[in-house]
C-alpha atoms as a PDB file:
ATOM      1  CA  MET A   1      57.696 236.796   3.743  1.00  0.00           C
ATOM      2  CA  SER A   2      58.787 236.408   0.105  1.00  0.00           C
ATOM      3  CA  ILE A   3      56.633 237.801  -2.704  1.00  0.00           C
ATOM      4  CA  LEU A   4      55.223 235.117  -5.010  1.00  0.00           C
ATOM      5  CA  PRO A   5      56.546 235.600  -8.572  1.00  0.00           C
ATOM      6  CA  ALA A   6      53.718 236.394 -10.978  1.00  0.00           C
ATOM      7  CA  ILE A   7      53.109 237.844 -14.410  1.00  0.00           C
ATOM      8  CA  ASN A   8      49.951 238.958 -16.167  1.00  0.00           C
ATOM      9  CA  ILE A   9      49.116 238.361 -19.825  1.00  0.00           C
ATOM     10  CA  ALA A  10      45.970 239.989 -21.220  1.00  0.00           C
ATOM     11  CA  GLY A  11      44.382 240.114 -17.776  1.00  0.00           C
ATOM     12  CA  ARG A  12      45.241 236.521 -16.816  1.00  0.00           C
ATOM     13  CA  ARG A  13      47.416 236.205 -13.721  1.00  0.00           C
ATOM     14  CA  ILE A  14      50.101 233.527 -13.993  1.00  0.00           C
ATOM     15  CA  ALA A  15      51.669 232.162 -10.797  1.00  0.00           C
ATOM     16  CA  THR A  16      51.782 228.994  -8.703  1.00  0.00           C
ATOM     17  CA  ASP A  17      48.671 229.987  -6.739  1.00  0.00           C
ATOM     18  CA  VAL A  18      46.406 229.781  -9.810  1.00  0.00           C
ATOM     19  CA  PRO A  19      45.897 226.941 -12.333  1.00  0.00           C
ATOM     20  CA  PRO A  20      48.639 226.628 -14.967  1.00  0.00           C
ATOM     21  CA  TYR A  21      48.506 228.816 -18.066  1.00  0.00           C
ATOM     22  CA  ILE A  22      48.120 226.608 -21.140  1.00  0.00           C
ATOM     23  CA  ILE A  23      49.662 227.763 -24.426  1.00  0.00           C
ATOM     24  CA  ALA A  24      48.745 225.963 -27.642  1.00  0.00           C
ATOM     25  CA  GLU A  25      51.667 226.394 -30.061  1.00  0.00           C
ATOM     26  CA  LEU A  26      50.366 226.659 -33.624  1.00  0.00           C
ATOM     27  CA  SER A  27      53.908 226.717 -35.054  1.00  0.00           C
ATOM     28  CA  ALA A  28      54.050 225.283 -38.591  1.00  0.00           C
ATOM     29  CA  ASN A  29      50.874 223.230 -38.229  1.00  0.00           C
ATOM     30  CA  HIS A  30      48.948 225.508 -40.571  1.00  0.00           C
ATOM     31  CA  ASN A  31      50.646 223.501 -43.350  1.00  0.00           C
ATOM     32  CA  GLY A  32      50.400 226.431 -45.756  1.00  0.00           C
ATOM     33  CA  LYS A  33      46.667 227.063 -45.335  1.00  0.00           C
ATOM     34  CA  LEU A  34      45.224 230.093 -43.591  1.00  0.00           C
ATOM     35  CA  GLU A  35      41.947 228.211 -43.112  1.00  0.00           C
ATOM     36  CA  THR A  36      43.802 225.539 -41.141  1.00  0.00           C
ATOM     37  CA  ALA A  37      45.422 228.150 -38.929  1.00  0.00           C
ATOM     38  CA  LEU A  38      42.047 229.758 -38.221  1.00  0.00           C
ATOM     39  CA  LYS A  39      40.559 226.362 -37.373  1.00  0.00           C
ATOM     40  CA  ILE A  40      43.441 225.585 -35.009  1.00  0.00           C
ATOM     41  CA  ILE A  41      42.631 228.781 -33.108  1.00  0.00           C
ATOM     42  CA  GLU A  42      38.993 227.734 -32.819  1.00  0.00           C
ATOM     43  CA  GLU A  43      39.897 224.247 -31.597  1.00  0.00           C
ATOM     44  CA  ALA A  44      42.384 225.606 -29.052  1.00  0.00           C
ATOM     45  CA  LYS A  45      39.630 227.787 -27.614  1.00  0.00           C
ATOM     46  CA  LYS A  46      37.205 224.849 -27.470  1.00  0.00           C
ATOM     47  CA  ALA A  47      39.816 222.722 -25.710  1.00  0.00           C
ATOM     48  CA  GLY A  48      40.217 225.310 -22.969  1.00  0.00           C
ATOM     49  CA  ALA A  49      43.668 226.697 -23.767  1.00  0.00           C
ATOM     50  CA  ASP A  50      44.480 230.132 -22.396  1.00  0.00           C
ATOM     51  CA  ALA A  51      46.477 231.234 -25.421  1.00  0.00           C
ATOM     52  CA  ILE A  52      47.429 230.401 -28.974  1.00  0.00           C
ATOM     53  CA  LYS A  53      50.988 231.182 -30.003  1.00  0.00           C
ATOM     54  CA  LEU A  54      52.428 231.824 -33.446  1.00  0.00           C
ATOM     55  CA  GLN A  55      55.983 232.000 -34.764  1.00  0.00           C
ATOM     56  CA  THR A  56      56.857 235.123 -36.701  1.00  0.00           C
ATOM     57  CA  TYR A  57      59.709 234.782 -39.175  1.00  0.00           C
ATOM     58  CA  THR A  58      60.497 234.228 -42.814  1.00  0.00           C
ATOM     59  CA  ALA A  59      63.219 232.033 -44.210  1.00  0.00           C
ATOM     60  CA  ASP A  60      65.233 235.189 -44.909  1.00  0.00           C
ATOM     61  CA  THR A  61      64.880 236.595 -41.371  1.00  0.00           C
ATOM     62  CA  ILE A  62      65.947 233.382 -39.663  1.00  0.00           C
ATOM     63  CA  THR A  63      68.688 231.905 -41.886  1.00  0.00           C
ATOM     64  CA  LEU A  64      70.572 232.210 -45.185  1.00  0.00           C
ATOM     65  CA  ASP A  65      69.690 230.704 -48.544  1.00  0.00           C
ATOM     66  CA  CYS A  66      72.713 228.457 -48.618  1.00  0.00           C
ATOM     67  CA  ASP A  67      73.120 224.728 -49.248  1.00  0.00           C
ATOM     68  CA  SER A  68      76.623 224.314 -47.850  1.00  0.00           C
ATOM     69  CA  GLU A  69      77.177 221.615 -45.235  1.00  0.00           C
ATOM     70  CA  GLU A  70      76.580 223.896 -42.245  1.00  0.00           C
ATOM     71  CA  PHE A  71      73.078 224.646 -43.502  1.00  0.00           C
ATOM     72  CA  GLN A  72      72.104 221.031 -44.194  1.00  0.00           C
ATOM     73  CA  ILE A  73      69.823 219.059 -41.826  1.00  0.00           C
ATOM     74  CA  HIS A  74      70.840 215.442 -41.310  1.00  0.00           C
ATOM     75  CA  GLY A  75      68.515 212.954 -39.637  1.00  0.00           C
ATOM     76  CA  GLY A  76      65.390 213.560 -37.574  1.00  0.00           C
ATOM     77  CA  LEU A  77      62.047 214.822 -38.817  1.00  0.00           C
ATOM     78  CA  TRP A  78      63.558 217.366 -41.180  1.00  0.00           C
ATOM     79  CA  GLY A  79      66.534 215.452 -42.543  1.00  0.00           C
ATOM     80  CA  GLY A  80      67.489 216.072 -46.171  1.00  0.00           C
ATOM     81  CA  LYS A  81      66.470 219.726 -46.207  1.00  0.00           C
ATOM     82  CA  THR A  82      68.437 222.901 -45.841  1.00  0.00           C
ATOM     83  CA  LEU A  83      67.489 225.288 -43.078  1.00  0.00           C
ATOM     84  CA  TYR A  84      66.198 227.715 -45.674  1.00  0.00           C
ATOM     85  CA  GLN A  85      63.969 225.054 -47.257  1.00  0.00           C
ATOM     86  CA  LEU A  86      62.562 224.046 -43.878  1.00  0.00           C
ATOM     87  CA  TYR A  87      61.722 227.587 -42.808  1.00  0.00           C
ATOM     88  CA  GLN A  88      60.350 228.475 -46.214  1.00  0.00           C
ATOM     89  CA  GLU A  89      57.888 225.601 -45.805  1.00  0.00           C
ATOM     90  CA  ALA A  90      57.135 226.163 -42.129  1.00  0.00           C
ATOM     91  CA  HIS A  91      56.893 229.942 -41.780  1.00  0.00           C
ATOM     92  CA  MET A  92      53.674 231.801 -41.086  1.00  0.00           C
ATOM     93  CA  PRO A  93      53.071 234.307 -43.905  1.00  0.00           C
ATOM     94  CA  TRP A  94      53.204 237.768 -42.431  1.00  0.00           C
ATOM     95  CA  ASP A  95      50.009 238.899 -44.105  1.00  0.00           C
ATOM     96  CA  TRP A  96      48.194 236.144 -42.187  1.00  0.00           C
ATOM     97  CA  HIS A  97      49.033 237.661 -38.824  1.00  0.00           C
ATOM     98  CA  LYS A  98      46.346 240.345 -38.830  1.00  0.00           C
ATOM     99  CA  PRO A  99      43.438 238.004 -39.662  1.00  0.00           C
ATOM    100  CA  LEU A 100      44.746 235.466 -37.147  1.00  0.00           C
ATOM    101  CA  PHE A 101      44.958 238.089 -34.402  1.00  0.00           C
ATOM    102  CA  GLU A 102      41.487 239.358 -35.283  1.00  0.00           C
ATOM    103  CA  HIS A 103      40.041 235.837 -35.272  1.00  0.00           C
ATOM    104  CA  ALA A 104      41.614 234.967 -31.928  1.00  0.00           C
ATOM    105  CA  ARG A 105      40.249 238.135 -30.369  1.00  0.00           C
ATOM    106  CA  LYS A 106      36.830 237.336 -31.783  1.00  0.00           C
ATOM    107  CA  MET A 107      37.112 233.846 -30.251  1.00  0.00           C
ATOM    108  CA  GLU A 108      38.257 235.449 -26.962  1.00  0.00           C
ATOM    109  CA  ILE A 109      41.512 233.525 -26.748  1.00  0.00           C
ATOM    110  CA  THR A 110      44.799 235.342 -26.145  1.00  0.00           C
ATOM    111  CA  ILE A 111      47.184 235.354 -29.103  1.00  0.00           C
ATOM    112  CA  PHE A 112      50.859 236.257 -29.196  1.00  0.00           C
ATOM    113  CA  SER A 113      53.980 235.083 -30.975  1.00  0.00           C
ATOM    114  CA  SER A 114      57.663 234.241 -30.948  1.00  0.00           C
ATOM    115  CA  PRO A 115      59.517 236.866 -33.009  1.00  0.00           C
ATOM    116  CA  PHE A 116      62.820 235.847 -34.554  1.00  0.00           C
ATOM    117  CA  ASP A 117      64.173 239.250 -35.485  1.00  0.00           C
ATOM    118  CA  ASN A 118      63.478 242.933 -34.879  1.00  0.00           C
ATOM    119  CA  SER A 119      61.238 243.302 -37.909  1.00  0.00           C
ATOM    120  CA  ALA A 120      58.993 240.562 -36.529  1.00  0.00           C
ATOM    121  CA  VAL A 121      58.725 242.465 -33.246  1.00  0.00           C
ATOM    122  CA  ASP A 122      57.719 245.598 -35.164  1.00  0.00           C
ATOM    123  CA  LEU A 123      55.002 243.669 -37.005  1.00  0.00           C
ATOM    124  CA  LEU A 124      53.661 242.220 -33.768  1.00  0.00           C
ATOM    125  CA  GLU A 125      53.728 245.608 -32.055  1.00  0.00           C
ATOM    126  CA  ASP A 126      51.566 246.980 -34.863  1.00  0.00           C
ATOM    127  CA  LEU A 127      49.075 244.210 -33.989  1.00  0.00           C
ATOM    128  CA  ASN A 128      49.297 245.072 -30.271  1.00  0.00           C
ATOM    129  CA  ALA A 129      50.566 241.661 -29.211  1.00  0.00           C
ATOM    130  CA  PRO A 130      50.027 241.356 -25.441  1.00  0.00           C
ATOM    131  CA  ALA A 131      53.203 239.329 -24.777  1.00  0.00           C
ATOM    132  CA  TYR A 132      56.243 237.774 -26.438  1.00  0.00           C
ATOM    133  CA  LYS A 133      57.898 234.373 -26.350  1.00  0.00           C
ATOM    134  CA  ILE A 134      61.602 233.857 -27.010  1.00  0.00           C
ATOM    135  CA  ALA A 135      62.220 230.442 -28.566  1.00  0.00           C
ATOM    136  CA  SER A 136      64.934 228.192 -27.157  1.00  0.00           C
ATOM    137  CA  PHE A 137      67.181 228.580 -30.187  1.00  0.00           C
ATOM    138  CA  GLU A 138      67.019 232.372 -29.781  1.00  0.00           C
ATOM    139  CA  ALA A 139      67.721 232.386 -26.019  1.00  0.00           C
ATOM    140  CA  VAL A 140      71.352 233.224 -26.835  1.00  0.00           C
ATOM    141  CA  ASP A 141      70.364 236.174 -29.063  1.00  0.00           C
ATOM    142  CA  LEU A 142      70.718 238.804 -26.368  1.00  0.00           C
ATOM    143  CA  PRO A 143      70.213 241.785 -28.721  1.00  0.00           C
ATOM    144  CA  LEU A 144      66.868 240.304 -29.835  1.00  0.00           C
ATOM    145  CA  ILE A 145      65.848 239.718 -26.213  1.00  0.00           C
ATOM    146  CA  LYS A 146      66.678 243.330 -25.344  1.00  0.00           C
ATOM    147  CA  TYR A 147      64.690 244.601 -28.328  1.00  0.00           C
ATOM    148  CA  VAL A 148      61.656 242.537 -27.319  1.00  0.00           C
ATOM    149  CA  ALA A 149      62.038 243.718 -23.724  1.00  0.00           C
ATOM    150  CA  SER A 150      61.985 247.343 -24.886  1.00  0.00           C
ATOM    151  CA  THR A 151      58.305 246.909 -25.790  1.00  0.00           C
ATOM    152  CA  GLY A 152      57.512 246.685 -22.083  1.00  0.00           C
ATOM    153  CA  LYS A 153      55.325 243.632 -22.692  1.00  0.00           C
ATOM    154  CA  PRO A 154      55.480 240.428 -20.600  1.00  0.00           C
ATOM    155  CA  MET A 155      58.079 237.953 -21.896  1.00  0.00           C
ATOM    156  CA  ILE A 156      58.478 234.189 -21.725  1.00  0.00           C
ATOM    157  CA  ILE A 157      61.891 232.690 -22.497  1.00  0.00           C
ATOM    158  CA  SER A 158      62.337 229.007 -23.370  1.00  0.00           C
ATOM    159  CA  THR A 159      65.628 227.593 -22.122  1.00  0.00           C
ATOM    160  CA  GLY A 160      66.174 224.495 -24.261  1.00  0.00           C
ATOM    161  CA  MET A 161      69.924 223.813 -24.783  1.00  0.00           C
ATOM    162  CA  ALA A 162      70.860 226.721 -22.477  1.00  0.00           C
ATOM    163  CA  ASP A 163      73.012 226.086 -19.426  1.00  0.00           C
ATOM    164  CA  ALA A 164      72.548 227.988 -16.146  1.00  0.00           C
ATOM    165  CA  GLU A 165      74.935 230.756 -17.187  1.00  0.00           C
ATOM    166  CA  GLU A 166      73.186 231.279 -20.526  1.00  0.00           C
ATOM    167  CA  ILE A 167      69.799 231.338 -18.826  1.00  0.00           C
ATOM    168  CA  GLN A 168      71.034 234.019 -16.451  1.00  0.00           C
ATOM    169  CA  GLU A 169      72.430 236.023 -19.375  1.00  0.00           C
ATOM    170  CA  ALA A 170      69.071 235.870 -21.147  1.00  0.00           C
ATOM    171  CA  ILE A 171      67.264 236.961 -17.973  1.00  0.00           C
ATOM    172  CA  ASP A 172      69.707 239.825 -17.451  1.00  0.00           C
ATOM    173  CA  ALA A 173      69.268 240.969 -21.048  1.00  0.00           C
ATOM    174  CA  ALA A 174      65.486 241.017 -20.632  1.00  0.00           C
ATOM    175  CA  LEU A 175      65.664 242.980 -17.400  1.00  0.00           C
ATOM    176  CA  VAL A 176      68.241 245.438 -18.724  1.00  0.00           C
ATOM    177  CA  GLY A 177      66.086 245.894 -21.822  1.00  0.00           C
ATOM    178  CA  GLY A 178      63.136 246.986 -19.725  1.00  0.00           C
ATOM    179  CA  CYS A 179      61.100 243.831 -19.143  1.00  0.00           C
ATOM    180  CA  LYS A 180      59.059 244.018 -15.923  1.00  0.00           C
ATOM    181  CA  GLU A 181      57.178 240.719 -16.202  1.00  0.00           C
ATOM    182  CA  LEU A 182      59.313 237.712 -17.099  1.00  0.00           C
ATOM    183  CA  ALA A 183      58.825 233.946 -17.070  1.00  0.00           C
ATOM    184  CA  ILE A 184      61.116 231.108 -18.092  1.00  0.00           C
ATOM    185  CA  LEU A 185      60.259 227.665 -19.441  1.00  0.00           C
ATOM    186  CA  HIS A 186      62.241 224.500 -18.924  1.00  0.00           C
ATOM    187  CA  CYS A 187      62.519 222.904 -22.351  1.00  0.00           C
ATOM    188  CA  VAL A 188      64.225 220.033 -24.128  1.00  0.00           C
ATOM    189  CA  SER A 189      64.794 220.979 -27.749  1.00  0.00           C
ATOM    190  CA  GLY A 190      64.264 217.539 -29.225  1.00  0.00           C
ATOM    191  CA  TYR A 191      61.429 216.933 -31.676  1.00  0.00           C
ATOM    192  CA  PRO A 192      60.013 214.815 -30.185  1.00  0.00           C
ATOM    193  CA  ALA A 193      61.850 214.592 -26.860  1.00  0.00           C
ATOM    194  CA  PRO A 194      61.775 211.462 -24.686  1.00  0.00           C
ATOM    195  CA  ALA A 195      60.242 211.954 -21.241  1.00  0.00           C
ATOM    196  CA  GLU A 196      63.393 210.702 -19.524  1.00  0.00           C
ATOM    197  CA  ASP A 197      65.333 213.653 -20.965  1.00  0.00           C
ATOM    198  CA  TYR A 198      63.156 216.162 -19.170  1.00  0.00           C
ATOM    199  CA  ASN A 199      64.536 215.853 -15.628  1.00  0.00           C
ATOM    200  CA  LEU A 200      61.503 217.709 -14.309  1.00  0.00           C
ATOM    201  CA  ARG A 201      63.025 218.258 -10.879  1.00  0.00           C
ATOM    202  CA  ILE A 202      64.916 221.131 -12.488  1.00  0.00           C
ATOM    203  CA  ILE A 203      61.676 223.155 -12.563  1.00  0.00           C
ATOM    204  CA  SER A 204      61.618 223.709  -8.807  1.00  0.00           C
ATOM    205  CA  ASP A 205      65.359 224.420  -8.883  1.00  0.00           C
ATOM    206  CA  MET A 206      64.917 226.992 -11.664  1.00  0.00           C
ATOM    207  CA  ALA A 207      62.110 228.715  -9.787  1.00  0.00           C
ATOM    208  CA  GLN A 208      64.259 228.988  -6.676  1.00  0.00           C
ATOM    209  CA  ARG A 209      67.501 229.837  -8.486  1.00  0.00           C
ATOM    210  CA  PHE A 210      66.127 232.553 -10.764  1.00  0.00           C
ATOM    211  CA  GLY A 211      63.132 233.732  -8.717  1.00  0.00           C
ATOM    212  CA  LEU A 212      60.806 233.868 -11.726  1.00  0.00           C
ATOM    213  CA  VAL A 213      57.532 232.348 -12.851  1.00  0.00           C
ATOM    214  CA  THR A 214      58.630 228.999 -14.256  1.00  0.00           C
ATOM    215  CA  GLY A 215      56.937 226.576 -16.612  1.00  0.00           C
ATOM    216  CA  LEU A 216      57.445 223.857 -19.197  1.00  0.00           C
ATOM    217  CA  SER A 217      57.689 223.794 -22.969  1.00  0.00           C
ATOM    218  CA  ASP A 218      56.928 220.138 -23.606  1.00  0.00           C
ATOM    219  CA  HIS A 219      57.914 218.247 -26.751  1.00  0.00           C
ATOM    220  CA  THR A 220      57.032 214.753 -25.518  1.00  0.00           C
ATOM    221  CA  LEU A 221      54.327 212.820 -27.340  1.00  0.00           C
ATOM    222  CA  ASP A 222      51.674 212.737 -24.610  1.00  0.00           C
ATOM    223  CA  ASN A 223      50.509 214.713 -21.581  1.00  0.00           C
ATOM    224  CA  THR A 224      52.165 212.777 -18.751  1.00  0.00           C
ATOM    225  CA  THR A 225      55.277 214.939 -18.553  1.00  0.00           C
ATOM    226  CA  ALA A 226      53.317 218.186 -18.714  1.00  0.00           C
ATOM    227  CA  ILE A 227      50.828 217.202 -16.021  1.00  0.00           C
ATOM    228  CA  THR A 228      53.628 215.928 -13.781  1.00  0.00           C
ATOM    229  CA  SER A 229      55.383 219.279 -14.098  1.00  0.00           C
ATOM    230  CA  VAL A 230      52.488 220.992 -12.330  1.00  0.00           C
ATOM    231  CA  ALA A 231      53.362 219.139  -9.121  1.00  0.00           C
ATOM    232  CA  LEU A 232      56.870 220.601  -9.352  1.00  0.00           C
ATOM    233  CA  GLY A 233      55.710 224.178  -9.719  1.00  0.00           C
ATOM    234  CA  ALA A 234      55.122 224.686 -13.448  1.00  0.00           C
ATOM    235  CA  SER A 235      52.833 227.715 -13.869  1.00  0.00           C
ATOM    236  CA  ILE A 236      52.906 227.641 -17.690  1.00  0.00           C
ATOM    237  CA  ILE A 237      52.602 224.660 -20.025  1.00  0.00           C
ATOM    238  CA  GLU A 238      53.264 225.004 -23.728  1.00  0.00           C
ATOM    239  CA  LYS A 239      52.498 222.213 -26.195  1.00  0.00           C
ATOM    240  CA  HIS A 240      52.449 222.118 -29.982  1.00  0.00           C
ATOM    241  CA  PHE A 241      48.898 221.778 -31.276  1.00  0.00           C
ATOM    242  CA  THR A 242      47.493 220.454 -34.549  1.00  0.00           C
ATOM    243  CA  LEU A 243      44.194 219.356 -36.024  1.00  0.00           C
ATOM    244  CA  ASP A 244      45.665 216.060 -37.231  1.00  0.00           C
ATOM    245  CA  ARG A 245      48.932 214.508 -36.104  1.00  0.00           C
ATOM    246  CA  SER A 246      49.161 212.634 -39.405  1.00  0.00           C
ATOM    247  CA  GLY A 247      48.810 215.842 -41.416  1.00  0.00           C
ATOM    248  CA  GLY A 248      52.353 215.638 -42.751  1.00  0.00           C
ATOM    249  CA  GLY A 249      53.496 219.103 -41.701  1.00  0.00           C
ATOM    250  CA  PRO A 250      56.895 219.827 -40.144  1.00  0.00           C
ATOM    251  CA  ASP A 251      55.565 219.789 -36.566  1.00  0.00           C
ATOM    252  CA  ASP A 252      52.405 217.687 -36.822  1.00  0.00           C
ATOM    253  CA  SER A 253      53.902 214.405 -35.652  1.00  0.00           C
ATOM    254  CA  PHE A 254      54.839 215.645 -32.167  1.00  0.00           C
ATOM    255  CA  SER A 255      51.787 217.865 -31.603  1.00  0.00           C
ATOM    256  CA  LEU A 256      48.631 217.299 -29.583  1.00  0.00           C
ATOM    257  CA  GLU A 257      45.291 216.829 -31.293  1.00  0.00           C
ATOM    258  CA  PRO A 258      42.133 218.608 -30.013  1.00  0.00           C
ATOM    259  CA  LYS A 259      40.983 215.832 -27.673  1.00  0.00           C
ATOM    260  CA  GLU A 260      44.442 215.588 -26.144  1.00  0.00           C
ATOM    261  CA  LEU A 261      44.705 219.343 -25.650  1.00  0.00           C
ATOM    262  CA  ALA A 262      41.328 219.324 -23.898  1.00  0.00           C
ATOM    263  CA  GLU A 263      42.598 216.561 -21.623  1.00  0.00           C
ATOM    264  CA  LEU A 264      45.747 218.558 -20.876  1.00  0.00           C
ATOM    265  CA  CYS A 265      43.740 221.650 -19.963  1.00  0.00           C
ATOM    266  CA  LYS A 266      41.437 219.662 -17.692  1.00  0.00           C
ATOM    267  CA  ASN A 267      43.996 217.392 -16.063  1.00  0.00           C
ATOM    268  CA  SER A 268      46.635 220.032 -15.448  1.00  0.00           C
ATOM    269  CA  SER A 269      44.016 222.064 -13.598  1.00  0.00           C
ATOM    270  CA  VAL A 270      43.013 218.992 -11.586  1.00  0.00           C
ATOM    271  CA  ALA A 271      46.671 218.348 -10.761  1.00  0.00           C
ATOM    272  CA  TRP A 272      47.054 221.939  -9.590  1.00  0.00           C
ATOM    273  CA  SER A 273      43.915 221.659  -7.445  1.00  0.00           C
ATOM    274  CA  ALA A 274      45.212 218.431  -5.906  1.00  0.00           C
ATOM    275  CA  LEU A 275      48.363 220.209  -4.702  1.00  0.00           C
ATOM    276  CA  GLY A 276      46.314 222.338  -2.327  1.00  0.00           C
ATOM    277  CA  LYS A 277      48.120 223.400   0.835  1.00  0.00           C
ATOM    278  CA  VAL A 278      49.777 221.902   3.880  1.00  0.00           C
ATOM    279  CA  ASP A 279      46.789 220.809   5.968  1.00  0.00           C
ATOM    280  CA  TYR A 280      46.786 217.948   8.461  1.00  0.00           C
ATOM    281  CA  GLY A 281      43.163 218.486   9.394  1.00  0.00           C
ATOM    282  CA  ARG A 282      40.277 216.226   8.427  1.00  0.00           C
ATOM    283  CA  LYS A 283      39.079 216.984   4.896  1.00  0.00           C
ATOM    284  CA  SER A 284      35.473 217.562   3.930  1.00  0.00           C
ATOM    285  CA  SER A 285      35.223 214.302   2.000  1.00  0.00           C
ATOM    286  CA  GLU A 286      36.409 212.407   5.092  1.00  0.00           C
ATOM    287  CA  GLN A 287      33.872 213.770   7.547  1.00  0.00           C
ATOM    288  CA  GLY A 288      31.270 211.079   7.015  1.00  0.00           C
ATOM    289  CA  ASN A 289      33.824 208.273   7.236  1.00  0.00           C
ATOM    290  CA  ALA A 290      35.354 209.178  10.597  1.00  0.00           C
ATOM    291  CA  LYS A 291      32.785 206.987  12.346  1.00  0.00           C
ATOM    292  CA  PHE A 292      34.194 203.949  10.572  1.00  0.00           C
ATOM    293  CA  ARG A 293      37.631 204.256  12.139  1.00  0.00           C
ATOM    294  CA  ARG A 294      38.651 201.788  14.843  1.00  0.00           C
ATOM    295  CA  SER A 295      37.698 202.263  18.501  1.00  0.00           C
ATOM    296  CA  LEU A 296      37.350 200.180  21.659  1.00  0.00           C
ATOM    297  CA  TYR A 297      34.338 197.920  22.241  1.00  0.00           C
ATOM    298  CA  PHE A 298      33.406 195.534  25.029  1.00  0.00           C
ATOM    299  CA  VAL A 299      33.173 192.067  23.484  1.00  0.00           C
ATOM    300  CA  LYS A 300      31.918 190.333  26.651  1.00  0.00           C
ATOM    301  CA  ALA A 301      29.068 191.156  29.018  1.00  0.00           C
ATOM    302  CA  LEU A 302      30.415 192.467  32.333  1.00  0.00           C
ATOM    303  CA  LYS A 303      28.717 193.059  35.702  1.00  0.00           C
ATOM    304  CA  LYS A 304      29.131 196.289  37.625  1.00  0.00           C
ATOM    305  CA  GLY A 305      32.533 196.291  39.371  1.00  0.00           C
ATOM    306  CA  GLU A 306      33.933 193.453  37.216  1.00  0.00           C
ATOM    307  CA  ILE A 307      37.516 193.846  36.012  1.00  0.00           C
ATOM    308  CA  ILE A 308      38.218 194.556  32.356  1.00  0.00           C
ATOM    309  CA  THR A 309      40.524 191.857  30.963  1.00  0.00           C
ATOM    310  CA  ALA A 310      42.359 191.621  27.646  1.00  0.00           C
ATOM    311  CA  ASP A 311      39.747 189.237  26.240  1.00  0.00           C
ATOM    312  CA  SER A 312      36.805 191.439  27.197  1.00  0.00           C
ATOM    313  CA  ILE A 313      37.740 194.484  25.135  1.00  0.00           C
ATOM    314  CA  ARG A 314      38.927 194.898  21.545  1.00  0.00           C
ATOM    315  CA  SER A 315      39.873 197.506  18.954  1.00  0.00           C
ATOM    316  CA  VAL A 316      37.360 197.207  16.094  1.00  0.00           C
ATOM    317  CA  ARG A 317      35.406 199.270  13.644  1.00  0.00           C
ATOM    318  CA  PRO A 318      33.268 201.509  13.949  1.00  0.00           C
ATOM    319  CA  GLY A 319      34.629 204.500  15.823  1.00  0.00           C
ATOM    320  CA  PHE A 320      32.056 205.319  18.492  1.00  0.00           C
ATOM    321  CA  GLY A 321      34.161 204.145  21.433  1.00  0.00           C
ATOM    322  CA  LEU A 322      37.338 205.424  23.049  1.00  0.00           C
ATOM    323  CA  ALA A 323      40.424 205.546  20.812  1.00  0.00           C
ATOM    324  CA  PRO A 324      42.502 202.329  20.646  1.00  0.00           C
ATOM    325  CA  LYS A 325      45.453 204.153  22.206  1.00  0.00           C
ATOM    326  CA  TYR A 326      43.725 203.791  25.599  1.00  0.00           C
ATOM    327  CA  LEU A 327      43.531 199.981  25.431  1.00  0.00           C
ATOM    328  CA  GLY A 328      46.530 199.368  27.691  1.00  0.00           C
ATOM    329  CA  ASN A 329      45.253 201.825  30.294  1.00  0.00           C
ATOM    330  CA  LEU A 330      41.850 200.147  30.534  1.00  0.00           C
ATOM    331  CA  ILE A 331      43.036 196.607  31.218  1.00  0.00           C
ATOM    332  CA  GLY A 332      42.648 196.035  34.979  1.00  0.00           C
ATOM    333  CA  CYS A 333      40.078 198.773  35.458  1.00  0.00           C
ATOM    334  CA  SER A 334      36.523 197.977  36.556  1.00  0.00           C
ATOM    335  CA  VAL A 335      33.238 198.862  34.912  1.00  0.00           C
ATOM    336  CA  THR A 336      30.907 201.321  36.656  1.00  0.00           C
ATOM    337  CA  SER A 337      27.703 199.545  35.593  1.00  0.00           C
ATOM    338  CA  ASP A 338      26.512 196.388  33.888  1.00  0.00           C
ATOM    339  CA  VAL A 339      27.783 196.285  30.298  1.00  0.00           C
ATOM    340  CA  LYS A 340      26.390 194.273  27.424  1.00  0.00           C
ATOM    341  CA  ALA A 341      28.633 192.699  24.783  1.00  0.00           C
ATOM    342  CA  ASN A 342      29.244 194.870  21.699  1.00  0.00           C
ATOM    343  CA  THR A 343      28.950 198.109  23.677  1.00  0.00           C
ATOM    344  CA  ALA A 344      31.237 201.013  22.787  1.00  0.00           C
ATOM    345  CA  VAL A 345      33.725 201.788  25.562  1.00  0.00           C
ATOM    346  CA  SER A 346      33.207 205.236  27.055  1.00  0.00           C
ATOM    347  CA  ALA A 347      34.883 207.060  29.933  1.00  0.00           C
ATOM    348  CA  GLU A 348      31.654 206.896  31.966  1.00  0.00           C
ATOM    349  CA  LEU A 349      31.685 203.077  31.891  1.00  0.00           C
ATOM    350  CA  VAL A 350      35.181 202.728  33.324  1.00  0.00           C
ATOM    351  CA  ALA A 351      36.414 203.300  36.867  1.00  0.00           C
ATOM    352  CA  MET A 352      40.092 204.124  36.778  1.00  0.00           C
ATOM    353  CA  PRO A 353      42.119 202.788  39.757  1.00  0.00           C
END
């Protein structure tokens, strides 16, 4: 019997035999205000999310201050900016991390982050982060993965843009680095990403191929894709989260608002519950309705010893008579006593030849 893959983050078990773990990604949705970031944590807790996730970098730790063509963004949400300009606007100030961690712990919601270089890992270790997330764009940074793994904390790796070989390389780097609890997320690194790009059937393939807890980092605009993923084995769902989708920040437009996050938390759990187990038995909600199934009834009055003909017996509702499968066997038999019309057929009323 195979062992079910599972990881544990801050006391919460994550596997296919428990409801999916919901991560609200704060990302750049603070829009430069610590108060907004604190409020996002509060709203994520109210919505029922298991965790809030930050991104820990500065423009200087993630890119170069250069405006040459390679560093220009063309098209999409962030077109017209350089990478440095984008990350300067979007980054979470490092001196915010401590108050955010303290606030999350006060609110009793797990908080961790995606580090983008070794110095970010060191900062997060000082705050006793309970887990780490590797972003899709960093899944090819094997030295960073190994450094994160050396903390011994649980890791989640997003696989957007990575092919099967690159995913395996990232997994190997984590394991070699010392990671003991590892999960991977199927991801499409489009912002937003159309649902048809997600090819969710890959989730069950990834779980089987890599033998790890598997989930979804979802950049679609609603919850349909995320909830559907639960039926295919997603144990983790990550969605960007904001107070106001029209807030104008770098990630606001493809993020969930509080009501939508609450719906995701509720409906993904319902979807998981609906999966249940392989069980062909009658379910509890069906018990009272079994009597309304079809069964055999006499539709004509018959005298004792009279022969049962095709027009004297029918399959009808309710289900107090013999099962309809016996209809052919009963034709030509006689009745053992007088029978009134609309009487349920029973074995005692029939004399088999």
